[in-house]
Amino acid sequence: MKEFLDYQIFRIGKITLEVNQVLLLIVFAVAIKYLLAFIKKIIYGNKKLDGSKKYTIYALVKYIIYILAIIGCFDIIGINISIFLAGSAALLVGIGLGLQNLFSDFISGIILLVDRTIKIDDIIEVNGMVCKVKEINLRTTTVLTRDQRNIILPNTELTKNHLVNWTHTDELARFDIKIGIGYGADIDLAMQIMENVAQRDSKVSIDEKPFCRLEDFGDSAVIVAVYFWTPDIFAVENTKSRIRQEIFKWFKSGGIDIPYPQRVMHLREHKED
């Protein structure tokens, strides 16, 4: 039995891999798996923490354990990691220069997890794209767009670029719908209709009352905007569509005209001598 456990699978220089080391690595990997499952159960079972905090704490603990596990695997195989790092300093510098973007993503991932400016289920806008955060990893972040596409972003995209977090401090956000109304229409009636329609929509907040503003005088219409608050930020375009549709119906029944741009052309007759 001892001969079997001490059997040398292969040898590279002073580094050897024996059967007992392979078995120990397997046991070590299984132990790490169960340890992570146990830690996850404790963290996610804590009712004092919200979902995003649980995810952040578990992610940080998981990556720390992974780093310690890699060091432990080197020790089991018999590799002195300090000597390895010292002897490979020049190589590591070269690799670092070649993989600096990758390292930047890792650092950005740690910043996102610790700083918590972006959390799971936050609605963010980056590079003109509105999306929901589904997963934050060390190198990448997975987001879901409004058309149900999963996009994987490098973490540096979120830390270096201008970013809007719609749900960072408040679940409510204000939006507006602008409509052009004919100059001969009853503006007060139009505003009342727009406010009532917005207020009746199921996705509009009842805590903040919608209101209208006369925004501008256009070439062929008076521009009126209705402002409303909603917690349904991710699907706000659907809410806007419903409100526009209802406003159009009420305007049509109330005789309120929505004009379109017109051009008047004057044709001059040219008489030949």
Protein backbone atom coordinates (compact mmCIF):
# COMPACT_ATOMS: atom_id res chain seq x y z
CA MET A 1 0.00 0.00 0.00
CA LYS A 2 2.82 2.36 0.91
CA GLU A 3 4.53 1.62 -2.39
CA PHE A 4 1.29 2.49 -4.23
CA LEU A 5 0.86 5.77 -2.34
CA ASP A 6 4.52 6.71 -2.92
CA TYR A 7 4.35 5.84 -6.62
CA GLN A 8 5.77 8.71 -8.65
CA ILE A 9 3.43 9.78 -11.46
CA PHE A 10 5.85 12.28 -13.01
CA ARG A 11 8.81 14.45 -12.15
CA ILE A 12 9.83 17.92 -13.37
CA GLY A 13 13.19 18.99 -11.96
CA LYS A 14 12.85 18.87 -8.19
CA ILE A 15 9.06 18.77 -8.32
CA THR A 16 7.45 15.34 -8.14
CA LEU A 17 3.82 14.28 -8.14
CA GLU A 18 2.99 11.11 -6.24
CA VAL A 19 -0.26 9.18 -5.83
CA ASN A 20 -0.62 10.27 -2.19
CA GLN A 21 -0.36 13.92 -3.27
CA VAL A 22 -3.09 13.45 -5.90
CA LEU A 23 -5.37 11.84 -3.31
CA LEU A 24 -4.62 14.65 -0.87
CA LEU A 25 -5.44 17.25 -3.54
CA ILE A 26 -8.79 15.54 -4.20
CA VAL A 27 -9.65 15.49 -0.49
CA PHE A 28 -8.51 19.11 -0.21
CA ALA A 29 -10.73 20.17 -3.15
CA VAL A 30 -13.77 18.37 -1.70
CA ALA A 31 -13.14 19.98 1.70
CA ILE A 32 -12.98 23.43 0.08
CA LYS A 33 -16.26 22.74 -1.74
CA TYR A 34 -18.08 21.78 1.47
CA LEU A 35 -16.48 24.66 3.38
CA LEU A 36 -17.79 27.16 0.81
CA ALA A 37 -21.24 25.58 0.91
CA PHE A 38 -21.25 25.84 4.72
CA ILE A 39 -20.12 29.49 4.65
CA LYS A 40 -22.72 30.32 1.99
CA LYS A 41 -25.46 28.76 4.11
CA ILE A 42 -24.44 30.84 7.14
CA ILE A 43 -24.19 34.12 5.21
CA TYR A 44 -27.40 33.71 3.21
CA GLY A 45 -29.23 32.52 6.32
CA ASN A 46 -28.49 35.79 8.12
CA LYS A 47 -31.76 37.75 8.09
CA LYS A 48 -30.07 41.00 9.15
CA LEU A 49 -28.31 41.31 5.77
CA ASP A 50 -30.02 42.24 2.51
CA GLY A 51 -29.47 40.22 -0.67
CA SER A 52 -26.74 42.44 -2.14
CA LYS A 53 -24.71 42.46 1.10
CA LYS A 54 -24.93 38.67 1.34
CA TYR A 55 -23.65 38.35 -2.23
CA THR A 56 -20.77 40.78 -1.63
CA ILE A 57 -19.61 39.15 1.62
CA TYR A 58 -19.80 35.64 0.16
CA ALA A 59 -17.97 36.67 -3.03
CA LEU A 60 -15.09 38.22 -1.06
CA VAL A 61 -14.82 35.23 1.30
CA LYS A 62 -14.95 32.84 -1.67
CA TYR A 63 -12.10 34.55 -3.51
CA ILE A 64 -9.95 34.69 -0.36
CA ILE A 65 -10.49 30.96 0.16
CA TYR A 66 -9.62 30.30 -3.50
CA ILE A 67 -6.31 32.16 -3.10
CA LEU A 68 -5.48 30.26 0.09
CA ALA A 69 -6.49 27.01 -1.61
CA ILE A 70 -4.09 27.64 -4.50
CA ILE A 71 -1.27 28.31 -2.02
CA GLY A 72 -2.26 25.10 -0.19
CA CYS A 73 -2.15 23.10 -3.44
CA PHE A 74 1.38 24.39 -4.14
CA ASP A 75 2.40 23.31 -0.64
CA ILE A 76 0.92 19.81 -1.11
CA ILE A 77 2.81 19.36 -4.38
CA GLY A 78 5.98 20.61 -2.69
CA ILE A 79 6.39 23.93 -4.45
CA ASN A 80 7.81 26.72 -2.29
CA ILE A 81 5.76 29.62 -3.60
CA SER A 82 8.08 32.30 -2.15
CA ILE A 83 11.09 30.88 -4.00
CA PHE A 84 8.96 30.41 -7.10
CA LEU A 85 7.84 34.04 -7.05
CA ALA A 86 11.34 35.37 -6.35
CA GLY A 87 12.89 33.29 -9.12
CA SER A 88 10.21 34.28 -11.60
CA ALA A 89 10.18 38.01 -10.85
CA ALA A 90 11.27 39.03 -14.34
CA LEU A 91 8.79 36.63 -15.92
CA LEU A 92 5.98 37.93 -13.72
CA VAL A 93 6.80 41.52 -14.70
CA GLY A 94 6.55 40.57 -18.36
CA ILE A 95 3.29 38.73 -17.80
CA GLY A 96 1.97 41.66 -15.77
CA LEU A 97 2.65 44.09 -18.61
CA GLY A 98 0.97 41.80 -21.10
CA LEU A 99 -2.06 41.21 -18.89
CA GLN A 100 -2.43 44.69 -17.39
CA ASN A 101 -5.98 45.02 -18.75
CA LEU A 102 -6.90 41.72 -17.11
CA PHE A 103 -5.40 42.85 -13.80
CA SER A 104 -7.27 46.16 -14.10
CA ASP A 105 -10.51 44.19 -14.41
CA PHE A 106 -9.63 42.20 -11.28
CA ILE A 107 -8.88 45.36 -9.28
CA SER A 108 -12.10 46.94 -10.56
CA GLY A 109 -14.01 43.82 -9.49
CA ILE A 110 -12.65 44.11 -5.95
CA ILE A 111 -13.56 47.82 -5.90
CA LEU A 112 -17.12 47.06 -7.02
CA LEU A 113 -17.55 44.36 -4.38
CA VAL A 114 -16.11 46.44 -1.54
CA ASP A 115 -17.33 49.93 -2.51
CA ARG A 116 -20.89 48.70 -3.27
CA THR A 117 -21.72 51.59 -5.59
CA ILE A 118 -23.25 48.90 -7.80
CA LYS A 119 -25.18 45.99 -6.31
CA ILE A 120 -27.09 42.98 -7.59
CA ASP A 121 -30.47 43.96 -9.12
CA ASP A 122 -29.44 47.62 -9.46
CA ILE A 123 -30.66 49.36 -12.61
CA ILE A 124 -27.71 51.08 -14.26
CA GLU A 125 -27.08 53.03 -17.44
CA VAL A 126 -23.65 52.64 -19.03
CA ASN A 127 -22.61 53.64 -22.55
CA GLY A 128 -26.21 54.64 -23.26
CA MET A 129 -27.49 51.14 -22.34
CA VAL A 130 -29.99 50.63 -19.51
CA CYS A 131 -29.60 47.23 -17.84
CA LYS A 132 -30.06 45.27 -14.61
CA VAL A 133 -27.04 43.90 -12.72
CA LYS A 134 -27.32 40.12 -12.42
CA GLU A 135 -23.86 39.03 -11.24
CA ILE A 136 -20.61 40.71 -10.16
CA ASN A 137 -17.45 38.62 -10.48
CA LEU A 138 -13.79 39.52 -10.04
CA ARG A 139 -13.15 40.10 -13.75
CA THR A 140 -16.57 40.67 -15.31
CA THR A 141 -20.11 41.76 -14.47
CA THR A 142 -23.16 40.20 -16.10
CA VAL A 143 -26.07 42.52 -16.90
CA LEU A 144 -29.52 41.97 -18.42
CA THR A 145 -30.78 44.43 -21.03
CA ARG A 146 -34.39 45.46 -21.60
CA ASP A 147 -34.63 43.09 -24.56
CA GLN A 148 -33.61 40.18 -22.29
CA ARG A 149 -30.04 39.85 -23.53
CA ASN A 150 -27.31 38.88 -21.08
CA ILE A 151 -24.21 40.99 -21.66
CA ILE A 152 -20.86 40.38 -19.96
CA LEU A 153 -18.99 43.62 -19.27
CA PRO A 154 -15.35 43.93 -18.15
CA ASN A 155 -15.36 45.51 -14.70
CA THR A 156 -13.24 48.43 -15.92
CA GLU A 157 -16.23 49.47 -18.08
CA LEU A 158 -18.12 50.15 -14.86
CA THR A 159 -15.36 51.87 -12.89
CA LYS A 160 -13.77 54.07 -15.58
CA ASN A 161 -16.79 55.18 -17.63
CA HIS A 162 -19.59 57.57 -16.72
CA LEU A 163 -22.33 55.49 -15.13
CA VAL A 164 -25.84 56.22 -13.86
CA ASN A 165 -27.20 54.04 -11.05
CA TRP A 166 -30.96 54.60 -11.10
CA THR A 167 -31.52 52.66 -7.86
CA HIS A 168 -28.44 53.65 -5.82
CA THR A 169 -30.27 55.60 -3.10
CA ASP A 170 -33.96 55.39 -4.02
CA GLU A 171 -36.15 52.85 -5.76
CA LEU A 172 -38.22 55.64 -7.34
CA ALA A 173 -37.09 57.61 -10.38
CA ARG A 174 -38.77 60.45 -12.25
CA PHE A 175 -39.53 60.29 -15.96
CA ASP A 176 -41.45 62.47 -18.37
CA ILE A 177 -43.52 62.25 -21.55
CA LYS A 178 -43.57 65.24 -23.91
CA ILE A 179 -46.49 65.82 -26.28
CA GLY A 180 -47.15 68.58 -28.81
CA ILE A 181 -50.63 70.16 -28.59
CA GLY A 182 -52.24 72.44 -31.15
CA TYR A 183 -52.22 76.17 -30.43
CA GLY A 184 -56.00 76.26 -30.61
CA ALA A 185 -56.48 73.44 -28.07
CA ASP A 186 -57.56 73.81 -24.43
CA ILE A 187 -54.16 73.59 -22.68
CA ASP A 188 -55.65 73.30 -19.18
CA LEU A 189 -57.85 70.37 -20.24
CA ALA A 190 -54.92 68.69 -21.97
CA MET A 191 -52.75 68.97 -18.84
CA GLN A 192 -55.54 67.62 -16.65
CA ILE A 193 -55.99 64.61 -18.95
CA MET A 194 -52.25 63.89 -18.98
CA GLU A 195 -51.98 64.08 -15.18
CA ASN A 196 -55.05 61.87 -14.64
CA VAL A 197 -53.89 59.24 -17.12
CA ALA A 198 -50.41 59.06 -15.55
CA GLN A 199 -51.85 58.90 -12.04
CA ARG A 200 -54.12 55.97 -12.93
CA ASP A 201 -51.35 53.79 -14.37
CA SER A 202 -50.60 50.80 -12.14
CA LYS A 203 -46.81 51.27 -12.34
CA VAL A 204 -46.81 54.95 -11.37
CA SER A 205 -46.05 55.68 -7.70
CA ILE A 206 -48.99 56.80 -5.56
CA ASP A 207 -46.62 58.57 -3.15
CA GLU A 208 -45.59 61.22 -5.69
CA LYS A 209 -48.36 62.89 -7.69
CA PRO A 210 -47.74 63.36 -11.44
CA PHE A 211 -47.67 66.96 -12.68
CA CYS A 212 -47.50 68.82 -16.00
CA ARG A 213 -45.35 71.63 -17.32
CA LEU A 214 -45.64 73.75 -20.43
CA GLU A 215 -42.17 73.13 -21.80
CA ASP A 216 -41.94 75.23 -24.93
CA PHE A 217 -43.64 76.87 -27.89
CA GLY A 218 -42.82 74.88 -31.01
CA ASP A 219 -43.24 75.81 -34.66
CA SER A 220 -46.59 74.05 -34.93
CA ALA A 221 -47.42 72.95 -31.36
CA VAL A 222 -47.28 73.83 -27.68
CA ILE A 223 -44.97 71.30 -25.98
CA VAL A 224 -46.45 69.94 -22.73
CA ALA A 225 -44.71 67.37 -20.50
CA VAL A 226 -46.19 65.15 -17.80
CA TYR A 227 -43.78 64.06 -15.03
CA PHE A 228 -44.29 60.91 -12.97
CA TRP A 229 -42.39 58.66 -10.56
CA THR A 230 -42.16 54.88 -10.86
CA PRO A 231 -40.30 52.03 -9.13
CA ASP A 232 -40.49 49.99 -12.34
CA ILE A 233 -37.41 51.66 -13.82
CA PHE A 234 -36.20 48.70 -15.87
CA ALA A 235 -39.47 48.47 -17.85
CA VAL A 236 -40.32 52.19 -17.84
CA GLU A 237 -40.61 52.28 -21.64
CA ASN A 238 -43.63 49.95 -21.37
CA THR A 239 -45.16 52.31 -18.81
CA LYS A 240 -44.56 55.29 -21.10
CA SER A 241 -46.18 53.43 -23.99
CA ARG A 242 -49.35 52.70 -21.98
CA ILE A 243 -49.61 56.32 -20.81
CA ARG A 244 -49.10 57.68 -24.34
CA GLN A 245 -51.77 55.33 -25.69
CA GLU A 246 -54.31 56.40 -23.06
CA ILE A 247 -53.52 60.09 -23.55
CA PHE A 248 -54.04 59.71 -27.30
CA LYS A 249 -57.46 58.11 -26.74
CA TRP A 250 -58.56 60.85 -24.32
CA PHE A 251 -57.24 63.62 -26.57
CA LYS A 252 -59.12 62.17 -29.53
CA SER A 253 -62.41 61.95 -27.60
CA GLY A 254 -61.87 65.44 -26.11
CA GLY A 255 -61.15 67.08 -29.44
CA ILE A 256 -57.58 68.00 -28.53
CA ASP A 257 -55.45 68.17 -31.65
CA ILE A 258 -51.92 66.76 -31.86
CA PRO A 259 -50.53 68.63 -34.87
CA TYR A 260 -47.77 67.55 -37.18
CA PRO A 261 -45.19 69.83 -38.83
CA GLN A 262 -46.53 71.55 -41.92
CA ARG A 263 -44.91 73.62 -44.62
CA VAL A 264 -46.78 76.12 -46.80
CA MET A 265 -45.43 76.50 -50.31
CA HIS A 266 -46.22 79.55 -52.48
CA LEU A 267 -45.84 78.97 -56.21
CA ARG A 268 -45.15 82.06 -58.27
CA GLU A 269 -46.26 82.05 -61.89
CA HIS A 270 -43.59 82.94 -64.37
CA LYS A 271 -44.92 84.66 -67.49
CA GLU A 272 -42.83 84.55 -70.59
CA ASP A 273 -42.55 87.72 -72.67
